[in-house]
Amino acid sequence: MSEMGWMMGEPRRKGKTMATTHLARTTTGVEVEEVEQSDGVEMLRMQVSDRLGITLDEFFCRLDDGHYDATDDENLLRLVMLAPFARAA
């Protein structure tokens, strides 16, 4: 995800489907693209795999066991903050 980032906030509802918001930086500012929740889960799955080298299920187990409670790593905290959105799927 070279020039892309995540935005945390309230999930938006599209009918019965919740969507996450994905931000992409452009030369003119910030472009917001809404994605389906399943797409957001897949993005998190890929980020967890790329950054931590583990599966999303293993990430959730470690998260539940408190493995990441004392971290101050901003990249890891972004993954931790997105976990509730992936679990709701």
Protein backbone atom coordinates (compact mmCIF):
# COMPACT_ATOMS: atom_id res chain seq x y z
CA MET A 1 0.00 0.00 0.00
CA SER A 2 2.51 2.59 -1.09
CA GLU A 3 0.72 5.95 -0.88
CA MET A 4 -2.42 4.64 0.81
CA GLY A 5 -3.49 4.94 4.40
CA TRP A 6 -6.38 4.02 6.68
CA MET A 7 -8.90 6.17 8.46
CA MET A 8 -10.40 5.06 11.73
CA GLY A 9 -13.87 6.21 12.57
CA GLU A 10 -17.41 5.09 12.66
CA PRO A 11 -18.25 2.51 10.00
CA ARG A 12 -20.74 3.74 7.46
CA ARG A 13 -23.85 1.74 6.78
CA LYS A 14 -24.87 0.90 3.24
CA GLY A 15 -28.18 -0.87 3.62
CA LYS A 16 -27.41 -3.85 5.83
CA THR A 17 -23.75 -3.93 4.89
CA MET A 18 -21.18 -1.99 6.85
CA ALA A 19 -18.36 -0.43 4.89
CA THR A 20 -14.95 0.77 5.95
CA THR A 21 -13.40 3.92 4.55
CA HIS A 22 -10.15 3.77 2.65
CA LEU A 23 -8.03 6.84 1.95
CA ALA A 24 -5.70 7.36 -0.98
CA ARG A 25 -3.37 10.33 -1.18
CA THR A 26 -3.39 12.18 -4.45
CA THR A 27 -1.54 15.23 -5.68
CA THR A 28 -4.70 17.29 -5.16
CA GLY A 29 -5.53 16.12 -1.64
CA VAL A 30 -7.29 13.13 -0.17
CA GLU A 31 -9.62 10.90 -2.11
CA VAL A 32 -12.10 8.80 -0.11
CA GLU A 33 -13.22 5.46 -1.46
CA GLU A 34 -15.83 3.39 0.35
CA VAL A 35 -15.31 -0.34 0.21
CA GLU A 36 -17.46 -3.27 1.28
CA GLN A 37 -16.65 -4.77 4.66
CA SER A 38 -15.41 -7.99 3.06
CA ASP A 39 -12.89 -5.93 1.09
CA GLY A 40 -11.77 -4.25 4.30
CA VAL A 41 -11.28 -7.64 5.96
CA GLU A 42 -9.17 -8.77 3.00
CA MET A 43 -7.06 -5.58 3.20
CA LEU A 44 -6.46 -6.20 6.91
CA ARG A 45 -5.64 -9.86 6.22
CA MET A 46 -3.02 -8.79 3.65
CA GLN A 47 -1.55 -6.12 5.94
CA VAL A 48 -1.28 -8.56 8.87
CA SER A 49 0.38 -11.11 6.62
CA ASP A 50 2.78 -8.58 5.06
CA ARG A 51 3.72 -6.76 8.27
CA LEU A 52 3.63 -9.58 10.82
CA GLY A 53 3.97 -12.73 8.73
CA ILE A 54 1.00 -14.39 10.42
CA THR A 55 -2.61 -15.18 9.55
CA LEU A 56 -5.50 -12.97 10.55
CA ASP A 57 -6.74 -15.69 12.92
CA GLU A 58 -3.33 -15.84 14.63
CA PHE A 59 -3.34 -12.04 14.88
CA PHE A 60 -6.73 -12.16 16.63
CA CYS A 61 -5.48 -14.87 19.04
CA ARG A 62 -2.41 -12.80 19.93
CA LEU A 63 -4.56 -9.69 20.27
CA ASP A 64 -6.97 -11.49 22.61
CA ASP A 65 -4.05 -12.84 24.67
CA GLY A 66 -2.77 -9.28 25.24
CA HIS A 67 0.34 -9.77 23.13
CA TYR A 68 0.04 -6.25 21.66
CA ASP A 69 -1.17 -4.39 24.77
CA ALA A 70 2.13 -2.63 25.54
CA THR A 71 3.13 -1.76 21.98
CA ASP A 72 3.83 1.75 20.83
CA ASP A 73 4.52 0.72 17.23
CA GLU A 74 2.22 2.93 15.15
CA ASN A 75 1.99 0.42 12.29
CA LEU A 76 0.91 -2.33 14.67
CA LEU A 77 -1.54 -0.03 16.43
CA ARG A 78 -3.21 0.68 13.09
CA LEU A 79 -3.81 -3.04 12.65
CA VAL A 80 -5.09 -3.34 16.23
CA MET A 81 -7.53 -0.45 15.70
CA LEU A 82 -8.94 -2.07 12.57
CA ALA A 83 -9.50 -5.47 14.23
CA PRO A 84 -13.09 -4.72 15.40
CA PHE A 85 -14.14 -3.95 11.82
CA ALA A 86 -12.78 -7.29 10.59
CA ARG A 87 -14.40 -9.22 13.45
CA ALA A 88 -17.81 -7.79 12.70
CA ALA A 89 -17.77 -9.46 9.28
